[in-house]
Amino acid sequence: MDVNVEDVSPAQRLGIGIALVVVGSVLGQPNLGLETRISAFATLFGIGFLGAAFEPPLTNALGARGWADLSSVKQTGVLFVLAIVAIVLWLAVSLAQGAVWALF
């Protein structure tokens, strides 16, 4: 079975990213044990998926059919923009999660 990253839709990437960020923050413990390490990896992968959710639309906006069609300079610019988007989304998910926890 051949799996291609383009088979995963932007909506699925966004959902995976949000789930990983939420699970990562729930697992986080102040004792720096195994759960904290799992939390850190889940959060990092979640942030990566949040940014990856916006890669196809941004690539298409630059007139390319896929990632490989972009020049190295454009790929670097896209990665920078995706990193900013991912960090903003991570903050939004974290704030929303904090607001939900405050209600209970």
PDB file of N, CA and C in Angstrom:
ATOM      1  N   MET A   1       0.841  -1.174   0.000  1.00  0.00           N
ATOM      2  CA  MET A   1       0.000   0.000   0.000  1.00  0.00           C
ATOM      3  C   MET A   1       0.886   1.238   0.000  1.00  0.00           C
ATOM      4  N   ASP A   2       0.699   2.060  -0.975  1.00  0.00           N
ATOM      5  CA  ASP A   2       1.498   3.272  -1.105  1.00  0.00           C
ATOM      6  C   ASP A   2       0.718   4.455  -0.537  1.00  0.00           C
ATOM      7  N   VAL A   3       1.269   5.101   0.473  1.00  0.00           N
ATOM      8  CA  VAL A   3       0.610   6.238   1.109  1.00  0.00           C
ATOM      9  C   VAL A   3       1.304   7.511   0.657  1.00  0.00           C
ATOM     10  N   ASN A   4       0.508   8.474   0.235  1.00  0.00           N
ATOM     11  CA  ASN A   4       1.026   9.752  -0.215  1.00  0.00           C
ATOM     12  C   ASN A   4       0.484  10.829   0.709  1.00  0.00           C
ATOM     13  N   VAL A   5       1.325  11.770   1.098  1.00  0.00           N
ATOM     14  CA  VAL A   5       0.900  12.822   2.015  1.00  0.00           C
ATOM     15  C   VAL A   5      -0.212  13.671   1.412  1.00  0.00           C
ATOM     16  N   GLU A   6      -0.294  13.736   0.097  1.00  0.00           N
ATOM     17  CA  GLU A   6      -1.335  14.523  -0.551  1.00  0.00           C
ATOM     18  C   GLU A   6      -2.705  13.868  -0.441  1.00  0.00           C
ATOM     19  N   ASP A   7      -2.755  12.593   0.022  1.00  0.00           N
ATOM     20  CA  ASP A   7      -4.033  11.915   0.225  1.00  0.00           C
ATOM     21  C   ASP A   7      -4.755  12.419   1.469  1.00  0.00           C
ATOM     22  N   VAL A   8      -4.054  13.123   2.338  1.00  0.00           N
ATOM     23  CA  VAL A   8      -4.647  13.651   3.567  1.00  0.00           C
ATOM     24  C   VAL A   8      -5.113  15.077   3.287  1.00  0.00           C
ATOM     25  N   SER A   9      -6.409  15.300   3.461  1.00  0.00           N
ATOM     26  CA  SER A   9      -6.975  16.613   3.133  1.00  0.00           C
ATOM     27  C   SER A   9      -6.550  17.664   4.161  1.00  0.00           C
ATOM     28  N   PRO A  10      -6.607  18.938   3.778  1.00  0.00           N
ATOM     29  CA  PRO A  10      -6.291  20.001   4.744  1.00  0.00           C
ATOM     30  C   PRO A  10      -7.178  19.959   5.985  1.00  0.00           C
ATOM     31  N   ALA A  11      -8.452  19.595   5.815  1.00  0.00           N
ATOM     32  CA  ALA A  11      -9.350  19.510   6.972  1.00  0.00           C
ATOM     33  C   ALA A  11      -8.907  18.401   7.925  1.00  0.00           C
ATOM     34  N   GLN A  12      -8.468  17.270   7.372  1.00  0.00           N
ATOM     35  CA  GLN A  12      -7.980  16.181   8.216  1.00  0.00           C
ATOM     36  C   GLN A  12      -6.704  16.594   8.942  1.00  0.00           C
ATOM     37  N   ARG A  13      -5.816  17.293   8.256  1.00  0.00           N
ATOM     38  CA  ARG A  13      -4.584  17.762   8.888  1.00  0.00           C
ATOM     39  C   ARG A  13      -4.897  18.724  10.028  1.00  0.00           C
ATOM     40  N   LEU A  14      -5.857  19.617   9.802  1.00  0.00           N
ATOM     41  CA  LEU A  14      -6.243  20.573  10.831  1.00  0.00           C
ATOM     42  C   LEU A  14      -6.839  19.849  12.035  1.00  0.00           C
ATOM     43  N   GLY A  15      -7.700  18.874  11.781  1.00  0.00           N
ATOM     44  CA  GLY A  15      -8.297  18.097  12.867  1.00  0.00           C
ATOM     45  C   GLY A  15      -7.267  17.321  13.662  1.00  0.00           C
ATOM     46  N   ILE A  16      -6.330  16.697  12.976  1.00  0.00           N
ATOM     47  CA  ILE A  16      -5.260  15.960  13.656  1.00  0.00           C
ATOM     48  C   ILE A  16      -4.426  16.916  14.498  1.00  0.00           C
ATOM     49  N   GLY A  17      -4.108  18.077  13.951  1.00  0.00           N
ATOM     50  CA  GLY A  17      -3.310  19.058  14.684  1.00  0.00           C
ATOM     51  C   GLY A  17      -3.996  19.532  15.941  1.00  0.00           C
ATOM     52  N   ILE A  18      -5.281  19.856  15.841  1.00  0.00           N
ATOM     53  CA  ILE A  18      -6.022  20.311  17.020  1.00  0.00           C
ATOM     54  C   ILE A  18      -6.084  19.205  18.063  1.00  0.00           C
ATOM     55  N   ALA A  19      -6.363  17.979  17.630  1.00  0.00           N
ATOM     56  CA  ALA A  19      -6.433  16.860  18.573  1.00  0.00           C
ATOM     57  C   ALA A  19      -5.098  16.645  19.279  1.00  0.00           C
ATOM     58  N   LEU A  20      -4.004  16.691  18.549  1.00  0.00           N
ATOM     59  CA  LEU A  20      -2.691  16.479  19.165  1.00  0.00           C
ATOM     60  C   LEU A  20      -2.335  17.597  20.142  1.00  0.00           C
ATOM     61  N   VAL A  21      -2.680  18.839  19.809  1.00  0.00           N
ATOM     62  CA  VAL A  21      -2.387  19.948  20.719  1.00  0.00           C
ATOM     63  C   VAL A  21      -3.196  19.804  22.004  1.00  0.00           C
ATOM     64  N   VAL A  22      -4.474  19.435  21.881  1.00  0.00           N
ATOM     65  CA  VAL A  22      -5.319  19.274  23.070  1.00  0.00           C
ATOM     66  C   VAL A  22      -4.835  18.106  23.919  1.00  0.00           C
ATOM     67  N   VAL A  23      -4.579  16.963  23.282  1.00  0.00           N
ATOM     68  CA  VAL A  23      -4.090  15.794  24.027  1.00  0.00           C
ATOM     69  C   VAL A  23      -2.740  16.097  24.666  1.00  0.00           C
ATOM     70  N   GLY A  24      -1.873  16.771  23.928  1.00  0.00           N
ATOM     71  CA  GLY A  24      -0.555  17.105  24.469  1.00  0.00           C
ATOM     72  C   GLY A  24      -0.639  17.977  25.695  1.00  0.00           C
ATOM     73  N   SER A  25      -1.528  18.952  25.687  1.00  0.00           N
ATOM     74  CA  SER A  25      -1.619  19.834  26.847  1.00  0.00           C
ATOM     75  C   SER A  25      -2.309  19.154  28.020  1.00  0.00           C
ATOM     76  N   VAL A  26      -3.208  18.215  27.752  1.00  0.00           N
ATOM     77  CA  VAL A  26      -3.865  17.486  28.838  1.00  0.00           C
ATOM     78  C   VAL A  26      -2.878  16.544  29.518  1.00  0.00           C
ATOM     79  N   LEU A  27      -1.973  15.945  28.747  1.00  0.00           N
ATOM     80  CA  LEU A  27      -1.005  15.002  29.313  1.00  0.00           C
ATOM     81  C   LEU A  27       0.122  15.679  30.085  1.00  0.00           C
ATOM     82  N   GLY A  28       0.357  16.948  29.830  1.00  0.00           N
ATOM     83  CA  GLY A  28       1.498  17.634  30.432  1.00  0.00           C
ATOM     84  C   GLY A  28       1.461  17.609  31.949  1.00  0.00           C
ATOM     85  N   GLN A  29       2.544  17.206  32.539  1.00  0.00           N
ATOM     86  CA  GLN A  29       2.663  17.147  33.995  1.00  0.00           C
ATOM     87  C   GLN A  29       3.905  17.919  34.416  1.00  0.00           C
ATOM     88  N   PRO A  30       3.888  18.527  35.584  1.00  0.00           N
ATOM     89  CA  PRO A  30       5.057  19.308  36.016  1.00  0.00           C
ATOM     90  C   PRO A  30       6.253  18.469  36.458  1.00  0.00           C
ATOM     91  N   ASN A  31       6.131  17.139  36.507  1.00  0.00           N
ATOM     92  CA  ASN A  31       7.229  16.319  37.025  1.00  0.00           C
ATOM     93  C   ASN A  31       8.272  15.943  35.978  1.00  0.00           C
ATOM     94  N   LEU A  32       8.091  16.360  34.731  1.00  0.00           N
ATOM     95  CA  LEU A  32       9.021  16.070  33.633  1.00  0.00           C
ATOM     96  C   LEU A  32       9.264  14.576  33.439  1.00  0.00           C
ATOM     97  N   GLY A  33       8.236  13.796  33.663  1.00  0.00           N
ATOM     98  CA  GLY A  33       8.330  12.361  33.449  1.00  0.00           C
ATOM     99  C   GLY A  33       7.963  11.992  32.027  1.00  0.00           C
ATOM    100  N   LEU A  34       7.583  10.738  31.849  1.00  0.00           N
ATOM    101  CA  LEU A  34       7.258  10.220  30.522  1.00  0.00           C
ATOM    102  C   LEU A  34       6.073  10.956  29.906  1.00  0.00           C
ATOM    103  N   GLU A  35       5.051  11.244  30.725  1.00  0.00           N
ATOM    104  CA  GLU A  35       3.875  11.932  30.188  1.00  0.00           C
ATOM    105  C   GLU A  35       4.229  13.322  29.668  1.00  0.00           C
ATOM    106  N   THR A  36       5.159  13.986  30.328  1.00  0.00           N
ATOM    107  CA  THR A  36       5.569  15.311  29.865  1.00  0.00           C
ATOM    108  C   THR A  36       6.290  15.204  28.531  1.00  0.00           C
ATOM    109  N   ARG A  37       7.103  14.187  28.358  1.00  0.00           N
ATOM    110  CA  ARG A  37       7.794  13.995  27.083  1.00  0.00           C
ATOM    111  C   ARG A  37       6.795  13.674  25.972  1.00  0.00           C
ATOM    112  N   ILE A  38       5.830  12.810  26.277  1.00  0.00           N
ATOM    113  CA  ILE A  38       4.788  12.502  25.297  1.00  0.00           C
ATOM    114  C   ILE A  38       4.004  13.763  24.966  1.00  0.00           C
ATOM    115  N   SER A  39       3.723  14.565  25.985  1.00  0.00           N
ATOM    116  CA  SER A  39       3.005  15.825  25.785  1.00  0.00           C
ATOM    117  C   SER A  39       3.767  16.750  24.857  1.00  0.00           C
ATOM    118  N   ALA A  40       5.068  16.851  25.058  1.00  0.00           N
ATOM    119  CA  ALA A  40       5.885  17.730  24.218  1.00  0.00           C
ATOM    120  C   ALA A  40       5.874  17.262  22.766  1.00  0.00           C
ATOM    121  N   PHE A  41       6.037  15.958  22.548  1.00  0.00           N
ATOM    122  CA  PHE A  41       6.019  15.441  21.182  1.00  0.00           C
ATOM    123  C   PHE A  41       4.647  15.623  20.541  1.00  0.00           C
ATOM    124  N   ALA A  42       3.579  15.357  21.304  1.00  0.00           N
ATOM    125  CA  ALA A  42       2.229  15.529  20.761  1.00  0.00           C
ATOM    126  C   ALA A  42       1.983  16.979  20.378  1.00  0.00           C
ATOM    127  N   THR A  43       2.427  17.899  21.223  1.00  0.00           N
ATOM    128  CA  THR A  43       2.234  19.317  20.927  1.00  0.00           C
ATOM    129  C   THR A  43       3.035  19.733  19.701  1.00  0.00           C
ATOM    130  N   LEU A  44       4.282  19.290  19.604  1.00  0.00           N
ATOM    131  CA  LEU A  44       5.101  19.639  18.437  1.00  0.00           C
ATOM    132  C   LEU A  44       4.517  19.074  17.144  1.00  0.00           C
ATOM    133  N   PHE A  45       4.094  17.807  17.183  1.00  0.00           N
ATOM    134  CA  PHE A  45       3.479  17.226  15.994  1.00  0.00           C
ATOM    135  C   PHE A  45       2.159  17.919  15.677  1.00  0.00           C
ATOM    136  N   GLY A  46       1.411  18.290  16.721  1.00  0.00           N
ATOM    137  CA  GLY A  46       0.160  19.013  16.511  1.00  0.00           C
ATOM    138  C   GLY A  46       0.383  20.340  15.828  1.00  0.00           C
ATOM    139  N   ILE A  47       1.395  21.071  16.270  1.00  0.00           N
ATOM    140  CA  ILE A  47       1.727  22.349  15.644  1.00  0.00           C
ATOM    141  C   ILE A  47       2.134  22.126  14.189  1.00  0.00           C
ATOM    142  N   GLY A  48       2.876  21.059  13.933  1.00  0.00           N
ATOM    143  CA  GLY A  48       3.258  20.732  12.557  1.00  0.00           C
ATOM    144  C   GLY A  48       2.056  20.445  11.673  1.00  0.00           C
ATOM    145  N   PHE A  49       1.093  19.684  12.195  1.00  0.00           N
ATOM    146  CA  PHE A  49      -0.110  19.397  11.422  1.00  0.00           C
ATOM    147  C   PHE A  49      -0.945  20.652  11.203  1.00  0.00           C
ATOM    148  N   LEU A  50      -0.985  21.553  12.191  1.00  0.00           N
ATOM    149  CA  LEU A  50      -1.731  22.799  12.020  1.00  0.00           C
ATOM    150  C   LEU A  50      -1.161  23.610  10.863  1.00  0.00           C
ATOM    151  N   GLY A  51       0.162  23.681  10.785  1.00  0.00           N
ATOM    152  CA  GLY A  51       0.782  24.389   9.667  1.00  0.00           C
ATOM    153  C   GLY A  51       0.595  23.665   8.351  1.00  0.00           C
ATOM    154  N   ALA A  52       0.704  22.329   8.386  1.00  0.00           N
ATOM    155  CA  ALA A  52       0.579  21.536   7.158  1.00  0.00           C
ATOM    156  C   ALA A  52      -0.821  21.607   6.565  1.00  0.00           C
ATOM    157  N   ALA A  53      -1.806  21.934   7.383  1.00  0.00           N
ATOM    158  CA  ALA A  53      -3.173  22.036   6.872  1.00  0.00           C
ATOM    159  C   ALA A  53      -3.305  23.139   5.829  1.00  0.00           C
ATOM    160  N   PHE A  54      -2.450  24.139   5.911  1.00  0.00           N
ATOM    161  CA  PHE A  54      -2.566  25.273   5.004  1.00  0.00           C
ATOM    162  C   PHE A  54      -1.541  25.245   3.873  1.00  0.00           C
ATOM    163  N   GLU A  55      -0.766  24.166   3.778  1.00  0.00           N
ATOM    164  CA  GLU A  55       0.231  24.076   2.707  1.00  0.00           C
ATOM    165  C   GLU A  55      -0.388  23.959   1.320  1.00  0.00           C
ATOM    166  N   PRO A  56      -1.371  23.063   1.093  1.00  0.00           N
ATOM    167  CA  PRO A  56      -1.919  22.960  -0.272  1.00  0.00           C
ATOM    168  C   PRO A  56      -2.555  24.257  -0.789  1.00  0.00           C
ATOM    169  N   PRO A  57      -3.386  24.943   0.012  1.00  0.00           N
ATOM    170  CA  PRO A  57      -3.952  26.188  -0.517  1.00  0.00           C
ATOM    171  C   PRO A  57      -2.894  27.259  -0.795  1.00  0.00           C
ATOM    172  N   LEU A  58      -1.884  27.333   0.062  1.00  0.00           N
ATOM    173  CA  LEU A  58      -0.835  28.333  -0.130  1.00  0.00           C
ATOM    174  C   LEU A  58       0.013  28.002  -1.358  1.00  0.00           C
ATOM    175  N   THR A  59       0.298  26.727  -1.557  1.00  0.00           N
ATOM    176  CA  THR A  59       1.051  26.301  -2.740  1.00  0.00           C
ATOM    177  C   THR A  59       0.263  26.605  -4.013  1.00  0.00           C
ATOM    178  N   ASN A  60      -1.031  26.324  -3.979  1.00  0.00           N
ATOM    179  CA  ASN A  60      -1.878  26.616  -5.147  1.00  0.00           C
ATOM    180  C   ASN A  60      -1.971  28.113  -5.407  1.00  0.00           C
ATOM    181  N   ALA A  61      -1.986  28.911  -4.349  1.00  0.00           N
ATOM    182  CA  ALA A  61      -2.060  30.366  -4.514  1.00  0.00           C
ATOM    183  C   ALA A  61      -0.814  30.917  -5.202  1.00  0.00           C
ATOM    184  N   LEU A  62       0.300  30.215  -5.054  1.00  0.00           N
ATOM    185  CA  LEU A  62       1.538  30.645  -5.707  1.00  0.00           C
ATOM    186  C   LEU A  62       1.650  30.118  -7.138  1.00  0.00           C
ATOM    187  N   GLY A  63       0.610  29.457  -7.609  1.00  0.00           N
ATOM    188  CA  GLY A  63       0.585  28.998  -8.998  1.00  0.00           C
ATOM    189  C   GLY A  63       1.249  27.660  -9.234  1.00  0.00           C
ATOM    190  N   ALA A  64       1.502  26.901  -8.189  1.00  0.00           N
ATOM    191  CA  ALA A  64       2.142  25.588  -8.343  1.00  0.00           C
ATOM    192  C   ALA A  64       1.107  24.487  -8.113  1.00  0.00           C
ATOM    193  N   ARG A  65       1.314  23.363  -8.771  1.00  0.00           N
ATOM    194  CA  ARG A  65       0.410  22.227  -8.581  1.00  0.00           C
ATOM    195  C   ARG A  65       0.770  21.426  -7.343  1.00  0.00           C
ATOM    196  N   GLY A  66       2.013  21.491  -6.928  1.00  0.00           N
ATOM    197  CA  GLY A  66       2.460  20.745  -5.766  1.00  0.00           C
ATOM    198  C   GLY A  66       3.709  21.362  -5.178  1.00  0.00           C
ATOM    199  N   TRP A  67       4.128  20.802  -4.059  1.00  0.00           N
ATOM    200  CA  TRP A  67       5.281  21.329  -3.334  1.00  0.00           C
ATOM    201  C   TRP A  67       6.535  21.315  -4.195  1.00  0.00           C
ATOM    202  N   ALA A  68       6.726  20.255  -4.965  1.00  0.00           N
ATOM    203  CA  ALA A  68       7.940  20.107  -5.776  1.00  0.00           C
ATOM    204  C   ALA A  68       8.017  21.131  -6.904  1.00  0.00           C
ATOM    205  N   ASP A  69       6.889  21.722  -7.263  1.00  0.00           N
ATOM    206  CA  ASP A  69       6.882  22.718  -8.339  1.00  0.00           C
ATOM    207  C   ASP A  69       7.370  24.086  -7.885  1.00  0.00           C
ATOM    208  N   LEU A  70       7.508  24.285  -6.585  1.00  0.00           N
ATOM    209  CA  LEU A  70       7.971  25.577  -6.060  1.00  0.00           C
ATOM    210  C   LEU A  70       9.494  25.631  -6.045  1.00  0.00           C
ATOM    211  N   SER A  71      10.040  26.816  -6.245  1.00  0.00           N
ATOM    212  CA  SER A  71      11.493  26.986  -6.137  1.00  0.00           C
ATOM    213  C   SER A  71      11.892  26.934  -4.665  1.00  0.00           C
ATOM    214  N   SER A  72      13.166  26.787  -4.403  1.00  0.00           N
ATOM    215  CA  SER A  72      13.666  26.720  -3.024  1.00  0.00           C
ATOM    216  C   SER A  72      13.347  27.988  -2.247  1.00  0.00           C
ATOM    217  N   VAL A  73      13.438  29.132  -2.902  1.00  0.00           N
ATOM    218  CA  VAL A  73      13.143  30.400  -2.232  1.00  0.00           C
ATOM    219  C   VAL A  73      11.671  30.462  -1.846  1.00  0.00           C
ATOM    220  N   LYS A  74      10.788  30.036  -2.757  1.00  0.00           N
ATOM    221  CA  LYS A  74       9.357  30.043  -2.451  1.00  0.00           C
ATOM    222  C   LYS A  74       9.025  29.022  -1.370  1.00  0.00           C
ATOM    223  N   GLN A  75       9.688  27.862  -1.395  1.00  0.00           N
ATOM    224  CA  GLN A  75       9.454  26.863  -0.355  1.00  0.00           C
ATOM    225  C   GLN A  75       9.836  27.409   1.017  1.00  0.00           C
ATOM    226  N   THR A  76      10.947  28.129   1.088  1.00  0.00           N
ATOM    227  CA  THR A  76      11.374  28.727   2.352  1.00  0.00           C
ATOM    228  C   THR A  76      10.353  29.749   2.833  1.00  0.00           C
ATOM    229  N   GLY A  77       9.864  30.575   1.932  1.00  0.00           N
ATOM    230  CA  GLY A  77       8.841  31.551   2.290  1.00  0.00           C
ATOM    231  C   GLY A  77       7.558  30.894   2.762  1.00  0.00           C
ATOM    232  N   VAL A  78       7.143  29.838   2.069  1.00  0.00           N
ATOM    233  CA  VAL A  78       5.933  29.112   2.456  1.00  0.00           C
ATOM    234  C   VAL A  78       6.113  28.498   3.838  1.00  0.00           C
ATOM    235  N   LEU A  79       7.268  27.896   4.101  1.00  0.00           N
ATOM    236  CA  LEU A  79       7.518  27.305   5.416  1.00  0.00           C
ATOM    237  C   LEU A  79       7.474  28.352   6.520  1.00  0.00           C
ATOM    238  N   PHE A  80       8.004  29.540   6.259  1.00  0.00           N
ATOM    239  CA  PHE A  80       7.972  30.616   7.250  1.00  0.00           C
ATOM    240  C   PHE A  80       6.527  31.023   7.543  1.00  0.00           C
ATOM    241  N   VAL A  81       5.739  31.202   6.499  1.00  0.00           N
ATOM    242  CA  VAL A  81       4.331  31.580   6.684  1.00  0.00           C
ATOM    243  C   VAL A  81       3.573  30.478   7.417  1.00  0.00           C
ATOM    244  N   LEU A  82       3.818  29.228   7.049  1.00  0.00           N
ATOM    245  CA  LEU A  82       3.145  28.113   7.715  1.00  0.00           C
ATOM    246  C   LEU A  82       3.528  28.023   9.183  1.00  0.00           C
ATOM    247  N   ALA A  83       4.775  28.332   9.518  1.00  0.00           N
ATOM    248  CA  ALA A  83       5.195  28.324  10.920  1.00  0.00           C
ATOM    249  C   ALA A  83       4.445  29.384  11.717  1.00  0.00           C
ATOM    250  N   ILE A  84       4.305  30.571  11.149  1.00  0.00           N
ATOM    251  CA  ILE A  84       3.564  31.640  11.823  1.00  0.00           C
ATOM    252  C   ILE A  84       2.101  31.242  12.000  1.00  0.00           C
ATOM    253  N   VAL A  85       1.492  30.698  10.949  1.00  0.00           N
ATOM    254  CA  VAL A  85       0.096  30.257  11.017  1.00  0.00           C
ATOM    255  C   VAL A  85      -0.070  29.182  12.082  1.00  0.00           C
ATOM    256  N   ALA A  86       0.850  28.225  12.123  1.00  0.00           N
ATOM    257  CA  ALA A  86       0.765  27.139  13.098  1.00  0.00           C
ATOM    258  C   ALA A  86       0.861  27.661  14.523  1.00  0.00           C
ATOM    259  N   ILE A  87       1.753  28.600  14.770  1.00  0.00           N
ATOM    260  CA  ILE A  87       1.905  29.147  16.119  1.00  0.00           C
ATOM    261  C   ILE A  87       0.655  29.917  16.525  1.00  0.00           C
ATOM    262  N   VAL A  88       0.092  30.687  15.610  1.00  0.00           N
ATOM    263  CA  VAL A  88      -1.141  31.428  15.915  1.00  0.00           C
ATOM    264  C   VAL A  88      -2.288  30.460  16.203  1.00  0.00           C
ATOM    265  N   LEU A  89      -2.425  29.407  15.399  1.00  0.00           N
ATOM    266  CA  LEU A  89      -3.477  28.418  15.640  1.00  0.00           C
ATOM    267  C   LEU A  89      -3.254  27.678  16.951  1.00  0.00           C
ATOM    268  N   TRP A  90      -2.001  27.362  17.270  1.00  0.00           N
ATOM    269  CA  TRP A  90      -1.694  26.695  18.528  1.00  0.00           C
ATOM    270  C   TRP A  90      -2.105  27.577  19.706  1.00  0.00           C
ATOM    271  N   LEU A  91      -1.801  28.859  19.631  1.00  0.00           N
ATOM    272  CA  LEU A  91      -2.220  29.778  20.692  1.00  0.00           C
ATOM    273  C   LEU A  91      -3.740  29.848  20.788  1.00  0.00           C
ATOM    274  N   ALA A  92      -4.420  29.883  19.648  1.00  0.00           N
ATOM    275  CA  ALA A  92      -5.883  29.941  19.650  1.00  0.00           C
ATOM    276  C   ALA A  92      -6.489  28.688  20.280  1.00  0.00           C
ATOM    277  N   VAL A  93      -5.965  27.514  19.918  1.00  0.00           N
ATOM    278  CA  VAL A  93      -6.469  26.269  20.496  1.00  0.00           C
ATOM    279  C   VAL A  93      -6.187  26.237  21.992  1.00  0.00           C
ATOM    280  N   SER A  94      -5.013  26.666  22.407  1.00  0.00           N
ATOM    281  CA  SER A  94      -4.667  26.676  23.830  1.00  0.00           C
ATOM    282  C   SER A  94      -5.565  27.627  24.611  1.00  0.00           C
ATOM    283  N   LEU A  95      -5.828  28.808  24.062  1.00  0.00           N
ATOM    284  CA  LEU A  95      -6.717  29.758  24.733  1.00  0.00           C
ATOM    285  C   LEU A  95      -8.146  29.229  24.796  1.00  0.00           C
ATOM    286  N   ALA A  96      -8.613  28.618  23.723  1.00  0.00           N
ATOM    287  CA  ALA A  96      -9.960  28.044  23.719  1.00  0.00           C
ATOM    288  C   ALA A  96     -10.070  26.911  24.728  1.00  0.00           C
ATOM    289  N   GLN A  97      -9.035  26.095  24.809  1.00  0.00           N
ATOM    290  CA  GLN A  97      -9.047  25.003  25.776  1.00  0.00           C
ATOM    291  C   GLN A  97      -9.048  25.558  27.194  1.00  0.00           C
ATOM    292  N   GLY A  98      -8.268  26.600  27.443  1.00  0.00           N
ATOM    293  CA  GLY A  98      -8.260  27.229  28.761  1.00  0.00           C
ATOM    294  C   GLY A  98      -9.612  27.821  29.119  1.00  0.00           C
ATOM    295  N   ALA A  99     -10.289  28.403  28.134  1.00  0.00           N
ATOM    296  CA  ALA A  99     -11.620  28.961  28.380  1.00  0.00           C
ATOM    297  C   ALA A  99     -12.625  27.863  28.715  1.00  0.00           C
ATOM    298  N   VAL A 100     -12.521  26.728  28.020  1.00  0.00           N
ATOM    299  CA  VAL A 100     -13.420  25.609  28.312  1.00  0.00           C
ATOM    300  C   VAL A 100     -13.150  25.067  29.708  1.00  0.00           C
ATOM    301  N   TRP A 101     -11.882  24.932  30.084  1.00  0.00           N
ATOM    302  CA  TRP A 101     -11.546  24.445  31.424  1.00  0.00           C
ATOM    303  C   TRP A 101     -12.030  25.413  32.496  1.00  0.00           C
ATOM    304  N   ALA A 102     -12.018  26.716  32.208  1.00  0.00           N
ATOM    305  CA  ALA A 102     -12.471  27.712  33.181  1.00  0.00           C
ATOM    306  C   ALA A 102     -13.977  27.607  33.424  1.00  0.00           C
ATOM    307  N   LEU A 103     -14.713  27.123  32.420  1.00  0.00           N
ATOM    308  CA  LEU A 103     -16.160  26.971  32.583  1.00  0.00           C
ATOM    309  C   LEU A 103     -16.518  25.845  33.540  1.00  0.00           C
ATOM    310  N   PHE A 104     -15.648  24.884  33.659  1.00  0.00           N
ATOM    311  CA  PHE A 104     -15.930  23.737  34.510  1.00  0.00           C
ATOM    312  C   PHE A 104     -15.104  23.833  35.732  1.00  0.00           C
TER     313      PHE A 104
END
